[in-house]
Amino acid sequence: MTALTRAQVLGLRMANLLLRPGPGGTGRPTDVAEVVTWLGAMQAQDLASGLWSFGVRLPGQTAADVTAALERREALRTWPMRGTIHFVPSRDAHWMVGLMAERVHRSAARRQAELGLTEEIVARAMEVLGAALAGGGRLTRSQCLALLTDEGIDTSGQRGYHVLLQASHHRLLCMAPNVGKEQSFVLLDEWVPDPHLPDRDEALATIALRYFRGHGPTTRQDFTGWTGLTVADARRGIAAAGDALARVTVDGVDAYLDPGLLDSVRGDASPFPSGGAEVVVLPGFDEYLLGYKDRSLMVADEHLAAIIPGNNGMFRATVVRDGRVVGTWRRTLAKTAVRIAVQPLVPLSKADRVRVERAFEGYARFVERSPEVHWL
């Protein structure tokens, strides 16, 4: 069995996450549908971050281009796993929610009971929303909640959120692109009239293949954490993927990846060029960090507090050099400019800072503004 160094794993992960050229430079996804299918799913709790997650992987496209692709239904947002919103391939939304949301759905029952949301209330809310959206309708979040309130269904506090979550877990609703700055909802069966509906074994094999292809080499534990599947189902998915996945070891621990990549591994050579650092600037909620339970390969322990302040699940945007986090950043959009404040976490040379500022030129083109970079 092939043993990989940590440096080799990091280089392969960055390539598989579509953040650096892959071996041979071929087969790179070229549109929104291909990117999200390659990665399996993409964190989209924060929409602006989710759009840039596409943009950084599709050089030359703008936020408007990505939004147009979402209107073409190349991907959609819903709650497929871990109780968080993700982009998923539109034709796969039905089976992905059915496969991975079940445990979250059950765990949410206690909170819904505390809120007084009975099965009868949720069923009535779904009936109201289904009738209002039938025939190609689209309602914003506030419109959905106002409609339910008018029908005598209390949506105060967290009740409205849980109704929309339940309706999505029941595969009645999914999210269409925002209307203005608001989430919008449509009927899943109308938005995606020709869903792919594999059996359970095929579904488990597909999600295993896509996860390890887009995030590997990584472990079964990371796969379990990402999907929210049981350990038994995770093992079943890996087994069902068969020869489409290769097993390697990293520090004596089993990990999986696309077997076609093993030919690119050469001894203990570094996967990154010696002539200059590779720099990418990523949104806070990106698969680069959100795709793993164990993030030690990408970020030093002493920097975690700067990236996840308060350890509350809110991730700051990151500056990544040769696969490792070296800074955080935040942006402010003005009419014609995007003002970017960069906080280094390690000493950066003058050449490194030039590379970072050049990387932000790509982000500025994505939001169609001129960049103004400030160092903190």
Protein backbone atom coordinates (compact mmCIF):
# COMPACT_ATOMS: atom_id res chain seq x y z
CA MET A 1 0.00 0.00 0.00
CA THR A 2 1.30 3.46 -0.91
CA ALA A 3 2.38 5.67 1.98
CA LEU A 4 2.08 9.42 1.36
CA THR A 5 3.88 12.23 3.13
CA ARG A 6 1.88 15.06 4.66
CA ALA A 7 3.28 17.43 2.01
CA GLN A 8 2.08 15.11 -0.77
CA VAL A 9 -1.36 14.86 0.82
CA LEU A 10 -1.61 18.65 1.06
CA GLY A 11 -0.65 19.12 -2.58
CA LEU A 12 -3.10 16.48 -3.76
CA ARG A 13 -5.90 17.92 -1.62
CA MET A 14 -5.39 21.40 -3.00
CA ALA A 15 -5.51 20.02 -6.54
CA ASN A 16 -8.60 17.90 -5.83
CA LEU A 17 -10.30 20.90 -4.21
CA LEU A 18 -9.65 22.69 -7.54
CA LEU A 19 -7.42 25.28 -5.87
CA ARG A 20 -4.28 24.48 -7.87
CA PRO A 21 -3.66 22.71 -11.19
CA GLY A 22 -4.10 18.96 -11.03
CA PRO A 23 -1.67 16.38 -12.39
CA GLY A 24 -1.34 16.93 -16.11
CA GLY A 25 -3.65 19.94 -15.92
CA THR A 26 -6.54 18.10 -17.58
CA GLY A 27 -10.12 17.37 -16.66
CA ARG A 28 -10.72 20.53 -14.67
CA PRO A 29 -14.41 21.42 -14.21
CA THR A 30 -15.37 24.42 -16.31
CA ASP A 31 -18.79 25.49 -15.00
CA VAL A 32 -20.86 25.68 -11.82
CA ALA A 33 -22.55 22.31 -12.37
CA GLU A 34 -19.24 20.52 -12.91
CA VAL A 35 -17.57 22.14 -9.88
CA VAL A 36 -20.32 21.24 -7.41
CA THR A 37 -20.62 17.73 -8.85
CA TRP A 38 -16.86 17.24 -8.57
CA LEU A 39 -16.80 18.30 -4.91
CA GLY A 40 -20.07 16.54 -4.01
CA ALA A 41 -21.52 19.56 -2.22
CA MET A 42 -20.27 23.02 -1.22
CA GLN A 43 -20.91 24.93 1.98
CA ALA A 44 -23.34 27.79 1.25
CA GLN A 45 -24.58 29.00 4.63
CA ASP A 46 -23.25 32.43 3.69
CA LEU A 47 -24.23 33.15 0.08
CA ALA A 48 -21.46 35.67 -0.70
CA SER A 49 -18.87 33.16 0.51
CA GLY A 50 -20.51 30.40 -1.49
CA LEU A 51 -20.41 32.43 -4.69
CA TRP A 52 -16.68 33.13 -4.27
CA SER A 53 -16.12 29.41 -3.60
CA PHE A 54 -17.26 28.95 -7.20
CA GLY A 55 -15.39 32.02 -8.42
CA VAL A 56 -12.00 30.99 -7.09
CA ARG A 57 -12.41 27.66 -8.93
CA LEU A 58 -13.71 29.24 -12.15
CA PRO A 59 -11.18 31.97 -13.05
CA GLY A 60 -12.66 34.67 -15.22
CA GLN A 61 -16.25 34.28 -14.03
CA THR A 62 -17.97 36.99 -12.03
CA ALA A 63 -20.51 36.80 -9.23
CA ALA A 64 -23.15 37.71 -11.82
CA ASP A 65 -22.01 34.77 -13.99
CA VAL A 66 -22.33 32.33 -11.09
CA THR A 67 -25.74 33.69 -10.14
CA ALA A 68 -26.89 33.29 -13.75
CA ALA A 69 -25.75 29.66 -13.64
CA LEU A 70 -27.81 29.16 -10.49
CA GLU A 71 -30.83 30.63 -12.30
CA ARG A 72 -30.16 28.03 -15.01
CA ARG A 73 -30.43 25.46 -12.19
CA GLU A 74 -26.88 24.15 -12.48
CA ALA A 75 -26.92 23.95 -8.67
CA LEU A 76 -29.29 24.81 -5.86
CA ARG A 77 -29.15 25.41 -2.12
CA THR A 78 -30.77 23.24 0.50
CA TRP A 79 -30.04 21.52 3.83
CA PRO A 80 -28.59 18.13 2.76
CA MET A 81 -26.38 17.36 5.78
CA ARG A 82 -25.07 18.60 9.13
CA GLY A 83 -27.99 21.00 9.46
CA THR A 84 -26.26 23.58 7.25
CA ILE A 85 -27.03 24.98 3.81
CA HIS A 86 -25.01 23.61 0.89
CA PHE A 87 -24.92 23.95 -2.85
CA VAL A 88 -25.67 20.59 -4.47
CA PRO A 89 -26.13 19.51 -8.10
CA SER A 90 -29.78 20.19 -8.85
CA ARG A 91 -30.64 16.72 -10.18
CA ASP A 92 -29.04 15.17 -7.08
CA ALA A 93 -30.77 17.32 -4.45
CA HIS A 94 -33.61 14.86 -3.87
CA TRP A 95 -31.49 11.82 -3.10
CA MET A 96 -28.79 13.74 -1.23
CA VAL A 97 -31.29 15.21 1.22
CA GLY A 98 -32.98 11.83 1.58
CA LEU A 99 -29.67 10.08 2.25
CA MET A 100 -27.89 12.51 4.56
CA ALA A 101 -30.47 14.73 6.27
CA GLU A 102 -32.27 11.93 8.11
CA ARG A 103 -30.18 12.08 11.30
CA VAL A 104 -30.34 15.89 11.45
CA HIS A 105 -34.08 15.68 10.87
CA ARG A 106 -34.46 13.35 13.85
CA SER A 107 -32.16 15.39 16.10
CA ALA A 108 -34.15 18.56 15.34
CA ALA A 109 -37.33 16.96 16.68
CA ARG A 110 -36.48 17.83 20.30
CA ARG A 111 -35.99 21.52 19.52
CA GLN A 112 -39.19 21.60 17.47
CA ALA A 113 -41.10 20.07 20.37
CA GLU A 114 -39.71 22.81 22.64
CA LEU A 115 -41.00 25.36 20.14
CA GLY A 116 -44.44 23.75 20.04
CA LEU A 117 -44.08 22.67 16.41
CA THR A 118 -46.14 19.50 16.21
CA GLU A 119 -46.23 17.22 13.18
CA GLU A 120 -49.72 18.56 12.45
CA ILE A 121 -48.52 22.18 12.42
CA VAL A 122 -45.60 21.35 10.13
CA ALA A 123 -47.89 19.39 7.81
CA ARG A 124 -50.31 22.32 7.65
CA ALA A 125 -47.47 24.75 6.95
CA MET A 126 -46.21 22.56 4.13
CA GLU A 127 -49.71 22.39 2.66
CA VAL A 128 -49.94 26.20 2.70
CA LEU A 129 -46.49 26.69 1.16
CA GLY A 130 -47.06 23.99 -1.44
CA ALA A 131 -50.31 25.58 -2.62
CA ALA A 132 -48.80 29.07 -2.76
CA LEU A 133 -45.74 27.99 -4.76
CA ALA A 134 -47.47 25.59 -7.14
CA GLY A 135 -47.20 26.50 -10.80
CA GLY A 136 -43.70 27.98 -10.76
CA GLY A 137 -44.04 30.36 -7.82
CA ARG A 138 -41.12 31.82 -5.90
CA LEU A 139 -41.40 33.44 -2.48
CA THR A 140 -38.81 35.14 -0.34
CA ARG A 141 -38.23 33.96 3.19
CA SER A 142 -40.17 36.90 4.62
CA GLN A 143 -43.04 36.26 2.21
CA CYS A 144 -43.16 32.60 3.26
CA LEU A 145 -43.32 33.55 6.91
CA ALA A 146 -45.94 36.27 6.31
CA LEU A 147 -48.09 33.78 4.40
CA LEU A 148 -47.89 31.25 7.22
CA THR A 149 -48.71 33.92 9.81
CA ASP A 150 -51.76 34.96 7.78
CA GLU A 151 -52.90 31.33 7.89
CA GLY A 152 -52.68 31.29 11.68
CA ILE A 153 -49.31 29.49 11.93
CA ASP A 154 -46.99 31.13 14.47
CA THR A 155 -43.53 31.74 12.94
CA SER A 156 -42.06 33.82 15.75
CA GLY A 157 -38.63 33.11 17.20
CA GLN A 158 -37.05 30.08 15.57
CA ARG A 159 -40.36 28.53 14.54
CA GLY A 160 -40.27 29.94 11.03
CA TYR A 161 -36.73 28.69 10.43
CA HIS A 162 -37.65 25.19 11.61
CA VAL A 163 -40.74 25.08 9.39
CA LEU A 164 -38.63 25.92 6.32
CA LEU A 165 -35.98 23.42 7.40
CA GLN A 166 -38.60 20.69 7.85
CA ALA A 167 -40.20 21.47 4.50
CA SER A 168 -36.78 21.18 2.84
CA HIS A 169 -35.96 17.94 4.64
CA HIS A 170 -39.29 16.56 3.41
CA ARG A 171 -38.10 17.62 -0.07
CA LEU A 172 -41.00 19.97 -0.62
CA LEU A 173 -38.85 23.11 -0.86
CA CYS A 174 -35.42 24.14 -2.04
CA MET A 175 -33.74 27.51 -2.40
CA ALA A 176 -33.63 29.36 -5.69
CA PRO A 177 -31.21 32.31 -6.10
CA ASN A 178 -31.80 35.23 -3.77
CA VAL A 179 -34.35 37.91 -4.53
CA GLY A 180 -32.39 41.01 -3.62
CA LYS A 181 -30.64 40.06 -0.38
CA GLU A 182 -33.30 37.56 0.71
CA GLN A 183 -33.38 33.80 0.42
CA SER A 184 -36.08 32.60 -1.94
CA PHE A 185 -37.93 29.29 -2.00
CA VAL A 186 -39.47 27.18 -4.74
CA LEU A 187 -40.97 23.72 -4.97
CA LEU A 188 -38.17 21.17 -5.42
CA ASP A 189 -40.19 18.96 -7.75
CA GLU A 190 -40.97 21.93 -10.01
CA TRP A 191 -37.47 23.42 -9.91
CA VAL A 192 -35.98 19.99 -10.72
CA PRO A 193 -38.62 18.05 -12.67
CA ASP A 194 -36.20 15.24 -13.70
CA PRO A 195 -34.33 14.25 -10.52
CA HIS A 196 -31.85 11.41 -10.40
CA LEU A 197 -33.17 8.81 -7.94
CA PRO A 198 -30.56 6.10 -7.31
CA ASP A 199 -31.06 3.23 -4.89
CA ARG A 200 -29.37 3.48 -1.49
CA ASP A 201 -26.21 1.57 -2.40
CA GLU A 202 -25.67 3.66 -5.53
CA ALA A 203 -26.29 6.84 -3.54
CA LEU A 204 -23.76 5.84 -0.87
CA ALA A 205 -21.18 4.91 -3.52
CA THR A 206 -21.74 8.17 -5.39
CA ILE A 207 -21.32 10.42 -2.37
CA ALA A 208 -18.23 8.48 -1.26
CA LEU A 209 -16.66 8.74 -4.70
CA ARG A 210 -17.39 12.46 -5.02
CA TYR A 211 -16.19 13.30 -1.53
CA PHE A 212 -12.86 11.49 -1.79
CA ARG A 213 -12.32 12.59 -5.40
CA GLY A 214 -12.88 16.23 -4.45
CA HIS A 215 -11.28 16.23 -0.97
CA GLY A 216 -8.86 13.32 -0.86
CA PRO A 217 -6.58 11.94 0.25
CA THR A 218 -8.50 11.90 3.52
CA THR A 219 -9.97 9.54 6.04
CA ARG A 220 -13.21 7.71 6.61
CA GLN A 221 -13.62 9.80 9.77
CA ASP A 222 -13.53 13.00 7.71
CA PHE A 223 -16.07 11.50 5.30
CA THR A 224 -18.37 10.57 8.18
CA GLY A 225 -18.08 14.04 9.68
CA TRP A 226 -18.74 15.76 6.35
CA THR A 227 -21.78 13.70 5.39
CA GLY A 228 -23.26 13.09 8.84
CA LEU A 229 -23.69 9.43 7.87
CA THR A 230 -23.31 6.65 10.39
CA VAL A 231 -19.97 4.85 10.51
CA ALA A 232 -21.68 1.78 9.07
CA ASP A 233 -23.06 3.73 6.11
CA ALA A 234 -19.71 5.43 5.52
CA ARG A 235 -18.01 2.04 5.33
CA ARG A 236 -20.78 0.77 3.07
CA GLY A 237 -20.33 3.73 0.71
CA ILE A 238 -16.57 3.26 0.48
CA ALA A 239 -17.02 -0.45 -0.17
CA ALA A 240 -19.68 0.23 -2.81
CA ALA A 241 -17.34 2.66 -4.61
CA GLY A 242 -14.97 -0.29 -5.11
CA ASP A 243 -12.00 0.25 -7.41
CA ALA A 244 -13.03 3.86 -8.06
CA LEU A 245 -11.22 4.67 -4.79
CA ALA A 246 -7.66 3.80 -3.80
CA ARG A 247 -6.50 3.29 -0.22
CA VAL A 248 -3.23 4.82 0.96
CA THR A 249 -1.69 5.53 4.36
CA VAL A 250 -0.76 8.87 5.90
CA ASP A 251 1.16 8.71 9.18
CA GLY A 252 -0.02 5.12 9.44
CA VAL A 253 -3.71 6.02 9.04
CA ASP A 254 -5.82 4.79 6.11
CA ALA A 255 -6.97 7.44 3.64
CA TYR A 256 -8.73 7.33 0.26
CA LEU A 257 -8.43 9.15 -3.05
CA ASP A 258 -8.91 8.85 -6.80
CA PRO A 259 -6.52 6.05 -7.88
CA GLY A 260 -5.60 7.95 -11.04
CA LEU A 261 -3.67 10.45 -8.95
CA LEU A 262 -1.20 7.95 -7.54
CA ASP A 263 0.84 8.05 -10.75
CA SER A 264 1.57 11.72 -10.03
CA VAL A 265 3.25 10.94 -6.68
CA ARG A 266 7.02 10.88 -7.02
CA GLY A 267 9.07 9.79 -4.02
CA ASP A 268 9.05 12.41 -1.27
CA ALA A 269 9.27 15.43 -3.57
CA SER A 270 7.33 18.52 -2.55
CA PRO A 271 4.18 19.02 -4.63
CA PHE A 272 4.63 22.79 -4.59
CA PRO A 273 7.06 24.65 -6.87
CA SER A 274 10.33 25.76 -5.30
CA GLY A 275 10.48 28.92 -7.40
CA GLY A 276 7.57 30.70 -5.77
CA ALA A 277 4.68 30.27 -3.38
CA GLU A 278 1.16 29.45 -4.58
CA VAL A 279 -1.33 31.86 -3.01
CA VAL A 280 -5.12 31.69 -3.02
CA VAL A 281 -7.63 33.83 -1.12
CA LEU A 282 -10.66 31.90 0.06
CA PRO A 283 -14.02 32.75 1.61
CA GLY A 284 -14.64 31.89 5.22
CA PHE A 285 -17.03 29.04 4.46
CA ASP A 286 -15.12 26.97 1.93
CA GLU A 287 -14.66 23.24 1.50
CA TYR A 288 -10.93 23.82 2.01
CA LEU A 289 -11.59 23.89 5.78
CA LEU A 290 -15.28 22.95 6.12
CA GLY A 291 -14.69 19.71 4.23
CA TYR A 292 -12.67 18.12 7.05
CA LYS A 293 -13.01 17.32 10.74
CA ASP A 294 -9.23 17.25 11.11
CA ARG A 295 -7.88 20.55 9.74
CA SER A 296 -4.37 20.27 11.16
CA LEU A 297 -2.82 19.75 7.74
CA MET A 298 -4.07 23.13 6.49
CA VAL A 299 -3.95 25.33 9.58
CA ALA A 300 -1.73 25.46 12.65
CA ASP A 301 -3.46 24.92 15.97
CA GLU A 302 -2.34 28.33 17.23
CA HIS A 303 -4.17 30.02 14.35
CA LEU A 304 -7.55 28.34 14.80
CA ALA A 305 -8.82 31.02 17.19
CA ALA A 306 -8.11 33.72 14.61
CA ILE A 307 -10.03 31.80 11.94
CA ILE A 308 -12.95 30.62 14.11
CA PRO A 309 -13.24 33.30 16.84
CA GLY A 310 -15.01 31.91 19.86
CA ASN A 311 -15.15 28.49 18.19
CA ASN A 312 -18.75 29.34 17.26
CA GLY A 313 -18.81 27.92 13.75
CA MET A 314 -18.27 31.27 12.03
CA PHE A 315 -15.21 30.98 9.78
CA ARG A 316 -13.23 34.01 8.63
CA ALA A 317 -11.96 34.30 5.08
CA THR A 318 -8.41 33.01 4.70
CA VAL A 319 -5.19 33.66 2.82
CA VAL A 320 -3.56 30.36 1.88
CA ARG A 321 0.08 29.95 0.81
CA ASP A 322 1.22 26.55 -0.45
CA GLY A 323 -1.84 24.96 1.13
CA ARG A 324 -1.39 26.45 4.62
CA VAL A 325 -3.38 29.32 6.14
CA VAL A 326 -1.12 32.34 6.60
CA GLY A 327 -3.67 35.11 7.12
CA THR A 328 -7.30 36.20 7.32
CA TRP A 329 -9.12 38.94 5.43
CA ARG A 330 -12.36 40.86 5.34
CA ARG A 331 -13.87 43.02 2.66
CA THR A 332 -16.12 46.03 2.34
CA LEU A 333 -17.92 46.66 -0.93
CA ALA A 334 -18.12 50.26 -2.14
CA LYS A 335 -19.71 51.47 -5.36
CA THR A 336 -16.64 50.99 -7.53
CA ALA A 337 -14.07 49.48 -5.17
CA VAL A 338 -13.69 46.55 -2.81
CA ARG A 339 -11.69 47.44 0.29
CA ILE A 340 -9.80 44.44 1.63
CA ALA A 341 -8.13 44.32 5.05
CA VAL A 342 -5.55 41.54 5.45
CA GLN A 343 -4.35 40.25 8.82
CA PRO A 344 -1.19 38.11 8.50
CA LEU A 345 -0.87 35.19 10.91
CA VAL A 346 2.76 34.50 10.04
CA PRO A 347 5.57 36.76 8.81
CA LEU A 348 5.15 37.44 5.10
CA SER A 349 7.96 38.54 2.84
CA LYS A 350 7.62 41.39 0.40
CA ALA A 351 7.32 38.82 -2.41
CA ASP A 352 4.58 37.01 -0.49
CA ARG A 353 2.64 40.25 -0.04
CA VAL A 354 2.87 40.94 -3.76
CA ARG A 355 1.46 37.47 -4.46
CA VAL A 356 -1.36 38.01 -1.97
CA GLU A 357 -2.30 41.35 -3.54
CA ARG A 358 -2.23 39.74 -6.97
CA ALA A 359 -4.60 37.04 -5.73
CA PHE A 360 -7.02 39.73 -4.55
CA GLU A 361 -7.07 41.15 -8.07
CA GLY A 362 -8.93 37.97 -9.06
CA TYR A 363 -11.45 38.48 -6.28
CA ALA A 364 -11.93 42.12 -7.28
CA ARG A 365 -12.67 41.07 -10.86
CA PHE A 366 -15.18 38.56 -9.50
CA VAL A 367 -17.15 41.29 -7.68
CA GLU A 368 -16.51 43.72 -10.58
CA ARG A 369 -14.73 46.38 -8.55
CA SER A 370 -11.22 47.71 -8.21
CA PRO A 371 -9.19 46.32 -5.28
CA GLU A 372 -7.89 48.39 -2.38
CA VAL A 373 -5.75 46.15 -0.17
CA HIS A 374 -4.74 47.26 3.32
CA TRP A 375 -2.42 45.36 5.64
CA LEU A 376 -3.19 45.23 9.36
